[in-house]
Amino acid sequence: MSILSRPTNTEREVRAYAEQLLVTSKYLSAVCKEKSGRTAMDWITENTVSHIKYYLLQTDLSVKEIAFKLDFPDVSFFCKYVKKHLGESPMEYRKTMVGLSEE
């Protein structure tokens, strides 16, 4: 998914995708690993991070609004997730990336 395309799915658990495909989580994970060398969770995380980047860089939504839109349980968890995967807080990431695009 390009960071410019609009996110549509916010599920972050392998179980949810496995249920949609009518397979077990274990089977889905095994197939993903076999076919791509990456775990199902890796794919889900990449998708989630792409969604986060889209909303931080392509919209003026607040961090709270983005967390809500992506179905995070609360803003604190969302901020910790962003920090873990992007290396900085949502506002720091937005400010850094906007600053880079203005140079």
Protein backbone atom coordinates (compact mmCIF):
# COMPACT_ATOMS: atom_id res chain seq x y z
CA MET A 1 0.00 0.00 0.00
CA SER A 2 1.34 3.40 -0.87
CA ILE A 3 1.31 5.97 1.92
CA LEU A 4 -0.72 8.14 -0.42
CA SER A 5 -3.62 5.71 -0.74
CA ARG A 6 -6.48 5.96 1.72
CA PRO A 7 -6.42 3.32 4.49
CA THR A 8 -9.50 1.17 4.82
CA ASN A 9 -8.72 -1.70 7.19
CA THR A 10 -7.62 -1.10 10.76
CA GLU A 11 -7.46 -4.64 12.14
CA ARG A 12 -4.13 -5.46 13.82
CA GLU A 13 -4.58 -9.12 14.76
CA VAL A 14 -3.72 -12.15 12.65
CA ARG A 15 -6.83 -13.86 14.01
CA ALA A 16 -9.15 -11.35 12.33
CA TYR A 17 -7.63 -11.91 8.89
CA ALA A 18 -7.56 -15.67 9.38
CA GLU A 19 -11.26 -15.62 10.27
CA GLN A 20 -12.05 -13.65 7.11
CA LEU A 21 -10.18 -16.25 5.07
CA LEU A 22 -11.74 -19.16 6.99
CA VAL A 23 -8.37 -20.53 8.08
CA THR A 24 -6.55 -20.71 11.40
CA SER A 25 -4.13 -18.02 12.52
CA LYS A 26 -1.38 -20.61 12.59
CA TYR A 27 -2.06 -21.64 8.98
CA LEU A 28 -2.19 -18.03 7.74
CA SER A 29 1.06 -17.25 9.51
CA ALA A 30 2.73 -20.34 8.06
CA VAL A 31 1.61 -19.54 4.50
CA CYS A 32 2.74 -15.92 4.78
CA LYS A 33 6.14 -17.02 6.08
CA GLU A 34 6.52 -19.71 3.40
CA LYS A 35 5.48 -17.51 0.48
CA SER A 36 7.02 -14.18 1.46
CA GLY A 37 9.58 -14.88 4.15
CA ARG A 38 7.66 -12.51 6.40
CA THR A 39 5.17 -13.28 9.13
CA ALA A 40 1.51 -12.33 8.94
CA MET A 41 2.16 -9.97 11.83
CA ASP A 42 4.94 -8.28 9.82
CA TRP A 43 2.45 -7.63 7.00
CA ILE A 44 -0.18 -6.34 9.42
CA THR A 45 2.33 -4.05 11.13
CA GLU A 46 3.51 -2.69 7.78
CA ASN A 47 -0.09 -2.01 6.80
CA THR A 48 -0.84 -0.29 10.12
CA VAL A 49 2.28 1.87 9.89
CA SER A 50 1.31 2.83 6.33
CA HIS A 51 -2.10 3.91 7.61
CA ILE A 52 -0.50 5.95 10.37
CA LYS A 53 1.87 7.64 7.92
CA TYR A 54 -1.01 8.42 5.59
CA TYR A 55 -3.03 10.16 8.31
CA LEU A 56 -0.05 11.99 9.80
CA LEU A 57 1.25 13.24 6.46
CA GLN A 58 -1.83 13.58 4.27
CA THR A 59 -4.40 14.97 6.72
CA ASP A 60 -4.70 17.61 9.41
CA LEU A 61 -6.35 15.18 11.84
CA SER A 62 -5.20 15.37 15.43
CA VAL A 63 -3.29 12.48 17.00
CA LYS A 64 -6.43 11.65 19.01
CA GLU A 65 -8.56 11.59 15.86
CA ILE A 66 -6.07 9.34 14.07
CA ALA A 67 -5.90 6.94 17.03
CA PHE A 68 -9.70 6.76 17.04
CA LYS A 69 -9.94 6.35 13.26
CA LEU A 70 -7.45 3.45 13.34
CA ASP A 71 -9.23 1.76 16.26
CA PHE A 72 -6.45 2.06 18.82
CA PRO A 73 -7.75 1.57 22.38
CA ASP A 74 -6.46 4.99 23.48
CA VAL A 75 -4.11 7.81 22.50
CA SER A 76 -1.38 6.65 24.87
CA PHE A 77 -1.21 3.20 23.26
CA PHE A 78 -1.26 4.77 19.81
CA CYS A 79 1.65 7.07 20.69
CA LYS A 80 3.66 4.14 22.08
CA TYR A 81 2.94 2.11 18.92
CA VAL A 82 4.09 4.98 16.68
CA LYS A 83 7.22 5.56 18.75
CA LYS A 84 8.07 1.84 18.57
CA HIS A 85 7.60 1.59 14.80
CA LEU A 86 8.60 5.05 13.54
CA GLY A 87 11.16 5.99 16.18
CA GLU A 88 9.44 9.17 17.29
CA SER A 89 6.11 10.39 18.60
CA PRO A 90 3.30 11.06 16.11
CA MET A 91 3.76 14.83 16.37
CA GLU A 92 7.56 14.56 16.07
CA TYR A 93 7.17 12.33 13.01
CA ARG A 94 4.69 14.72 11.40
CA LYS A 95 6.91 17.73 12.11
CA THR A 96 10.06 15.94 10.85
CA MET A 97 8.46 14.71 7.64
CA VAL A 98 6.76 18.04 6.88
CA GLY A 99 10.09 19.79 7.50
CA LEU A 100 11.84 17.44 5.10
CA SER A 101 9.27 18.03 2.36
CA GLU A 102 9.70 21.80 2.67
CA GLU A 103 13.46 21.64 2.07
